[in-house]
Amino acid sequence: MATTRHNITLEEEVYKEFCKYAGKKGIKVSTWINIKMKEFIEEEKMIEEIRKKCS
């Protein structure tokens, strides 16, 4: 799987707190964002399917 780099903007306090808790578990920001984006995509696909079935 290929990866690409992207710059993102985060609220400083949110980032600091994330690092505080995620660091203890060995979670990287990029890994967490990737997982959350995949979850979002799956949810959106499910919503699209439901809308198609209901119309």
N, C-alpha and C. Protein backbone atom coordinates (compact mmCIF):
# COMPACT_ATOMS: atom_id res chain seq x y z
N MET A 1 0.83 -1.16 0.00
CA MET A 1 0.00 0.00 0.00
C MET A 1 0.89 1.24 0.00
N ALA A 2 0.61 2.15 -0.90
CA ALA A 2 1.37 3.39 -0.98
C ALA A 2 0.81 4.39 0.03
N THR A 3 1.66 5.26 0.50
CA THR A 3 1.22 6.32 1.40
C THR A 3 1.62 7.67 0.83
N THR A 4 0.88 8.69 1.20
CA THR A 4 1.21 10.05 0.78
C THR A 4 1.28 10.93 2.02
N ARG A 5 2.02 11.98 1.92
CA ARG A 5 2.15 12.92 3.03
C ARG A 5 1.20 14.09 2.82
N HIS A 6 0.59 14.54 3.93
CA HIS A 6 -0.31 15.69 3.88
C HIS A 6 -0.09 16.53 5.12
N ASN A 7 -0.15 17.81 4.95
CA ASN A 7 -0.09 18.70 6.11
C ASN A 7 -1.50 18.89 6.63
N ILE A 8 -1.66 18.84 7.93
CA ILE A 8 -2.97 19.09 8.53
C ILE A 8 -2.82 20.14 9.63
N THR A 9 -3.90 20.79 9.94
CA THR A 9 -3.90 21.79 11.00
C THR A 9 -4.70 21.24 12.17
N LEU A 10 -4.09 21.28 13.34
CA LEU A 10 -4.73 20.79 14.56
C LEU A 10 -4.70 21.88 15.62
N GLU A 11 -5.72 21.89 16.46
CA GLU A 11 -5.69 22.80 17.59
C GLU A 11 -4.55 22.35 18.51
N GLU A 12 -3.75 23.29 18.95
CA GLU A 12 -2.55 22.96 19.72
C GLU A 12 -2.86 22.17 20.98
N GLU A 13 -3.87 22.58 21.73
CA GLU A 13 -4.21 21.87 22.97
C GLU A 13 -4.72 20.46 22.69
N VAL A 14 -5.51 20.31 21.64
CA VAL A 14 -6.02 18.99 21.28
C VAL A 14 -4.85 18.07 20.93
N TYR A 15 -3.92 18.58 20.14
CA TYR A 15 -2.75 17.79 19.74
C TYR A 15 -1.93 17.38 20.96
N LYS A 16 -1.70 18.32 21.87
CA LYS A 16 -0.91 18.02 23.07
C LYS A 16 -1.57 16.93 23.90
N GLU A 17 -2.90 17.06 24.09
CA GLU A 17 -3.61 16.05 24.88
C GLU A 17 -3.60 14.70 24.19
N PHE A 18 -3.80 14.71 22.86
CA PHE A 18 -3.76 13.45 22.12
C PHE A 18 -2.40 12.78 22.34
N CYS A 19 -1.35 13.53 22.16
CA CYS A 19 0.00 12.98 22.33
C CYS A 19 0.21 12.44 23.74
N LYS A 20 -0.33 13.13 24.72
CA LYS A 20 -0.20 12.71 26.13
C LYS A 20 -0.79 11.31 26.32
N TYR A 21 -1.99 11.10 25.80
CA TYR A 21 -2.66 9.81 26.00
C TYR A 21 -2.24 8.76 24.98
N ALA A 22 -2.12 9.15 23.73
CA ALA A 22 -1.76 8.20 22.69
C ALA A 22 -0.33 7.71 22.84
N GLY A 23 0.55 8.59 23.27
CA GLY A 23 1.95 8.22 23.44
C GLY A 23 2.13 7.07 24.42
N LYS A 24 1.30 7.06 25.46
CA LYS A 24 1.37 5.98 26.46
C LYS A 24 1.02 4.63 25.85
N LYS A 25 0.23 4.66 24.77
CA LYS A 25 -0.22 3.43 24.13
C LYS A 25 0.54 3.14 22.85
N GLY A 26 1.49 3.99 22.51
CA GLY A 26 2.29 3.78 21.31
C GLY A 26 1.55 4.11 20.02
N ILE A 27 0.51 4.95 20.12
CA ILE A 27 -0.28 5.31 18.94
C ILE A 27 0.28 6.59 18.33
N LYS A 28 0.48 6.57 17.04
CA LYS A 28 0.94 7.75 16.32
C LYS A 28 -0.26 8.49 15.75
N VAL A 29 -0.14 9.79 15.60
CA VAL A 29 -1.22 10.61 15.06
C VAL A 29 -1.63 10.10 13.69
N SER A 30 -0.68 9.84 12.82
CA SER A 30 -1.00 9.42 11.45
C SER A 30 -1.74 8.08 11.43
N THR A 31 -1.35 7.17 12.31
CA THR A 31 -2.03 5.87 12.38
C THR A 31 -3.47 6.06 12.82
N TRP A 32 -3.68 6.87 13.84
CA TRP A 32 -5.02 7.10 14.37
C TRP A 32 -5.90 7.80 13.34
N ILE A 33 -5.36 8.81 12.67
CA ILE A 33 -6.13 9.52 11.64
C ILE A 33 -6.51 8.56 10.52
N ASN A 34 -5.60 7.73 10.09
CA ASN A 34 -5.87 6.76 9.02
C ASN A 34 -7.02 5.83 9.40
N ILE A 35 -7.00 5.33 10.62
CA ILE A 35 -8.06 4.44 11.08
C ILE A 35 -9.39 5.18 11.12
N LYS A 36 -9.40 6.38 11.67
CA LYS A 36 -10.64 7.15 11.76
C LYS A 36 -11.19 7.50 10.38
N MET A 37 -10.32 7.79 9.43
CA MET A 37 -10.77 8.09 8.08
C MET A 37 -11.41 6.85 7.44
N LYS A 38 -10.83 5.68 7.66
CA LYS A 38 -11.40 4.44 7.14
C LYS A 38 -12.77 4.18 7.75
N GLU A 39 -12.90 4.41 9.05
CA GLU A 39 -14.19 4.23 9.73
C GLU A 39 -15.23 5.17 9.13
N PHE A 40 -14.85 6.41 8.91
CA PHE A 40 -15.75 7.41 8.33
C PHE A 40 -16.21 6.99 6.94
N ILE A 41 -15.28 6.53 6.12
CA ILE A 41 -15.61 6.09 4.76
C ILE A 41 -16.60 4.93 4.80
N GLU A 42 -16.37 3.97 5.65
CA GLU A 42 -17.28 2.83 5.76
C GLU A 42 -18.67 3.27 6.20
N GLU A 43 -18.74 4.18 7.15
CA GLU A 43 -20.04 4.68 7.60
C GLU A 43 -20.78 5.39 6.47
N GLU A 44 -20.06 6.20 5.72
CA GLU A 44 -20.67 6.93 4.61
C GLU A 44 -21.17 5.98 3.52
N LYS A 45 -20.41 4.92 3.26
CA LYS A 45 -20.84 3.92 2.27
C LYS A 45 -22.11 3.23 2.73
N MET A 46 -22.19 2.92 4.03
CA MET A 46 -23.39 2.29 4.56
C MET A 46 -24.60 3.22 4.43
N ILE A 47 -24.40 4.49 4.72
CA ILE A 47 -25.48 5.47 4.59
C ILE A 47 -25.94 5.56 3.14
N GLU A 48 -25.00 5.58 2.20
CA GLU A 48 -25.35 5.62 0.77
C GLU A 48 -26.18 4.41 0.38
N GLU A 49 -25.79 3.23 0.85
CA GLU A 49 -26.53 2.01 0.54
C GLU A 49 -27.95 2.06 1.08
N ILE A 50 -28.09 2.53 2.31
CA ILE A 50 -29.41 2.63 2.92
C ILE A 50 -30.28 3.59 2.14
N ARG A 51 -29.71 4.71 1.73
CA ARG A 51 -30.47 5.70 0.96
C ARG A 51 -30.91 5.12 -0.39
N LYS A 52 -30.04 4.34 -1.02
CA LYS A 52 -30.39 3.72 -2.31
C LYS A 52 -31.52 2.74 -2.15
N LYS A 53 -31.51 1.96 -1.08
CA LYS A 53 -32.54 0.96 -0.84
C LYS A 53 -33.89 1.61 -0.50
N CYS A 54 -33.85 2.75 0.15
CA CYS A 54 -35.08 3.43 0.58
C CYS A 54 -35.70 4.28 -0.53
N SER A 55 -34.97 4.56 -1.59
CA SER A 55 -35.54 5.41 -2.64
C SER A 55 -36.13 4.62 -3.77
